[in-house]
N, C-alpha and C. Protein backbone atom coordinates (compact mmCIF):
# COMPACT_ATOMS: atom_id res chain seq x y z
N UNK A 1 21.08 -57.52 30.78
CA UNK A 1 20.72 -56.43 30.62
C UNK A 1 19.31 -56.32 29.96
N UNK A 2 18.31 -55.79 30.59
CA UNK A 2 16.64 -55.51 30.75
C UNK A 2 16.30 -57.30 30.03
N UNK A 3 16.82 -58.27 30.02
CA UNK A 3 16.14 -59.75 29.89
C UNK A 3 15.93 -59.51 28.24
N UNK A 4 17.12 -59.04 27.52
CA UNK A 4 17.24 -59.43 26.74
C UNK A 4 18.19 -60.23 26.15
N UNK A 5 18.41 -60.99 25.07
CA UNK A 5 19.14 -62.61 25.13
C UNK A 5 19.80 -61.79 24.09
N UNK A 6 20.87 -62.98 23.42
CA UNK A 6 21.41 -63.17 21.86
C UNK A 6 20.36 -63.12 20.77
N UNK A 7 19.52 -63.53 21.00
CA UNK A 7 18.30 -63.76 20.00
C UNK A 7 17.66 -62.46 19.30
N UNK A 8 17.30 -61.94 20.80
CA UNK A 8 16.41 -60.54 20.67
C UNK A 8 17.46 -59.38 19.88
N UNK A 9 18.43 -59.20 20.56
CA UNK A 9 19.77 -58.22 20.50
C UNK A 9 19.94 -58.44 18.79
N UNK A 10 20.02 -59.83 18.21
CA UNK A 10 20.37 -59.66 16.95
C UNK A 10 19.09 -59.67 16.03
N UNK A 11 18.10 -59.71 16.18
CA UNK A 11 16.37 -59.25 15.72
C UNK A 11 16.36 -57.62 15.76
N UNK A 12 16.74 -56.84 16.91
CA UNK A 12 16.55 -55.46 17.27
C UNK A 12 17.95 -54.66 16.06
N UNK A 13 19.14 -55.76 16.20
CA UNK A 13 20.14 -55.03 15.19
C UNK A 13 19.96 -55.06 13.98
N UNK A 14 19.27 -55.75 13.41
CA UNK A 14 18.68 -56.40 11.89
C UNK A 14 17.43 -55.28 11.81
N UNK A 15 17.02 -55.01 12.63
CA UNK A 15 15.86 -53.93 11.94
C UNK A 15 16.86 -52.58 11.92
N UNK A 16 17.57 -52.58 12.95
CA UNK A 16 18.01 -50.99 12.79
C UNK A 16 18.76 -50.86 11.32
N UNK A 17 19.66 -51.88 11.15
CA UNK A 17 19.75 -51.97 9.77
C UNK A 17 19.34 -51.89 8.53
N UNK A 18 17.80 -52.28 8.39
CA UNK A 18 17.09 -52.19 7.74
C UNK A 18 16.82 -50.40 7.55
N UNK A 19 16.00 -50.25 8.69
CA UNK A 19 15.13 -48.79 8.76
C UNK A 19 16.50 -47.95 8.48
N UNK A 20 18.15 -47.82 8.99
CA UNK A 20 19.12 -46.76 8.38
C UNK A 20 19.73 -47.15 7.46
N UNK A 21 20.02 -48.38 6.94
CA UNK A 21 21.15 -48.61 6.34
C UNK A 21 22.28 -48.98 6.97
N UNK A 22 23.45 -49.89 5.96
CA UNK A 22 24.32 -49.81 7.47
C UNK A 22 25.33 -49.04 6.90
N UNK A 23 25.55 -48.32 5.51
CA UNK A 23 26.54 -46.79 5.99
C UNK A 23 26.46 -46.13 6.93
N UNK A 24 24.98 -45.60 7.24
CA UNK A 24 24.51 -44.32 7.78
C UNK A 24 25.01 -44.73 9.46
N UNK A 25 24.50 -46.09 9.98
CA UNK A 25 25.15 -46.25 11.07
C UNK A 25 26.61 -45.93 11.43
N UNK A 26 27.01 -46.12 10.97
CA UNK A 26 28.86 -45.40 11.07
C UNK A 26 28.25 -44.08 11.36
N UNK A 27 27.75 -43.48 10.90
CA UNK A 27 27.81 -41.84 10.91
C UNK A 27 26.85 -41.57 11.89
N UNK A 28 25.64 -42.24 12.52
CA UNK A 28 25.35 -42.10 13.34
C UNK A 28 25.83 -42.39 14.85
N UNK A 29 26.59 -43.61 14.73
CA UNK A 29 27.43 -43.58 16.21
C UNK A 29 28.47 -42.30 16.01
N UNK A 30 29.15 -42.13 15.12
CA UNK A 30 30.27 -40.97 15.32
C UNK A 30 29.62 -39.78 15.57
N UNK A 31 28.45 -39.40 15.47
CA UNK A 31 27.79 -37.89 15.97
C UNK A 31 27.58 -38.41 17.47
N UNK A 32 26.77 -39.34 17.40
CA UNK A 32 26.79 -39.38 19.35
C UNK A 32 27.83 -39.75 19.65
N UNK A 33 29.14 -40.45 19.37
CA UNK A 33 30.34 -39.99 19.74
C UNK A 33 30.71 -38.44 20.28
N UNK A 34 30.69 -38.21 19.80
CA UNK A 34 31.34 -36.99 19.34
C UNK A 34 29.99 -35.58 20.05
N UNK A 35 28.81 -36.33 20.11
CA UNK A 35 28.25 -35.67 21.24
C UNK A 35 28.13 -35.74 22.66
N UNK A 36 28.53 -36.72 22.68
CA UNK A 36 28.74 -37.49 24.44
C UNK A 36 30.13 -36.69 24.69
N UNK A 37 31.31 -36.64 24.04
CA UNK A 37 32.91 -36.28 24.11
C UNK A 37 32.24 -34.69 24.31
N UNK A 38 31.83 -34.43 23.60
CA UNK A 38 31.16 -32.18 24.00
C UNK A 38 30.83 -32.08 25.02
N UNK A 39 29.86 -33.00 25.25
CA UNK A 39 28.81 -33.21 26.62
C UNK A 39 29.62 -33.20 27.62
N UNK A 40 30.36 -34.17 27.94
CA UNK A 40 31.51 -34.14 28.97
C UNK A 40 32.78 -33.57 29.31
N UNK A 41 33.20 -32.74 27.96
CA UNK A 41 33.82 -31.93 27.92
C UNK A 41 33.35 -30.26 28.78
N UNK A 42 32.20 -30.33 28.29
CA UNK A 42 31.69 -29.27 29.04
C UNK A 42 31.12 -29.23 30.36
N UNK A 43 30.99 -30.52 30.65
CA UNK A 43 31.06 -30.84 32.18
C UNK A 43 32.04 -30.58 33.09
N UNK A 44 33.01 -31.13 32.49
CA UNK A 44 34.42 -31.30 32.99
C UNK A 44 34.61 -29.60 33.19
N UNK A 45 34.29 -28.58 32.25
CA UNK A 45 35.05 -27.30 32.54
C UNK A 45 34.19 -26.27 32.82
N UNK A 46 32.92 -26.63 33.56
CA UNK A 46 32.10 -26.22 34.49
C UNK A 46 32.56 -26.16 35.78
N UNK A 47 32.81 -27.36 35.82
CA UNK A 47 33.49 -28.11 37.34
C UNK A 47 34.96 -26.96 37.03
N UNK A 48 35.38 -26.65 36.56
CA UNK A 48 36.77 -25.87 36.84
C UNK A 48 36.48 -24.49 36.54
N UNK A 49 35.41 -24.41 36.08
CA UNK A 49 35.41 -22.59 35.93
C UNK A 49 34.62 -22.29 37.37
N UNK A 50 35.21 -20.75 37.74
CA UNK A 50 34.24 -20.63 38.86
C UNK A 50 33.14 -19.51 38.11
N UNK A 51 31.52 -19.40 38.81
CA UNK A 51 30.44 -18.77 38.58
C UNK A 51 31.30 -16.97 38.37
N UNK A 52 30.26 -16.54 37.25
CA UNK A 52 30.95 -15.54 37.60
C UNK A 52 30.39 -14.46 38.32
N UNK A 53 29.43 -14.51 39.10
CA UNK A 53 28.44 -13.61 39.91
C UNK A 53 28.90 -14.16 41.03
N UNK A 54 29.95 -14.99 41.37
CA UNK A 54 30.51 -14.85 42.95
C UNK A 54 31.72 -14.01 43.12
N UNK A 55 31.84 -13.67 44.01
CA UNK A 55 32.89 -12.76 44.06
C UNK A 55 34.21 -13.69 44.10
N UNK A 56 35.55 -12.74 44.15
CA UNK A 56 36.43 -13.61 44.45
C UNK A 56 36.45 -14.23 46.06
N UNK A 57 37.67 -14.57 46.60
CA UNK A 57 37.75 -15.75 47.81
C UNK A 57 38.83 -15.39 48.03
N UNK A 58 38.58 -14.10 48.98
CA UNK A 58 40.27 -13.89 49.95
C UNK A 58 40.54 -14.68 51.14
N UNK A 59 41.79 -15.58 50.74
CA UNK A 59 42.61 -16.26 51.43
C UNK A 59 42.88 -15.75 53.17
N UNK A 60 43.25 -14.54 52.67
CA UNK A 60 43.97 -13.91 53.52
C UNK A 60 43.22 -13.05 55.12
N UNK A 61 42.20 -13.28 54.94
CA UNK A 61 40.92 -12.85 55.99
C UNK A 61 40.49 -14.54 56.98
N UNK A 62 40.56 -14.47 58.29
CA UNK A 62 40.44 -15.61 58.74
C UNK A 62 39.16 -15.27 59.10
């Protein structure tokens, strides 16, 4: 993964904990998760909805 080993990842995690604090990291992760979930739901609902500017398709005509 990008040439990062375990020691490098641990250093990055320690720096993140120092900058944001241990309590705030859980809150940030939860907000990111809910944002990703909302994005996926928005994409899924957009795929199932028909655009309003297109006329309905009449399947009886050939």
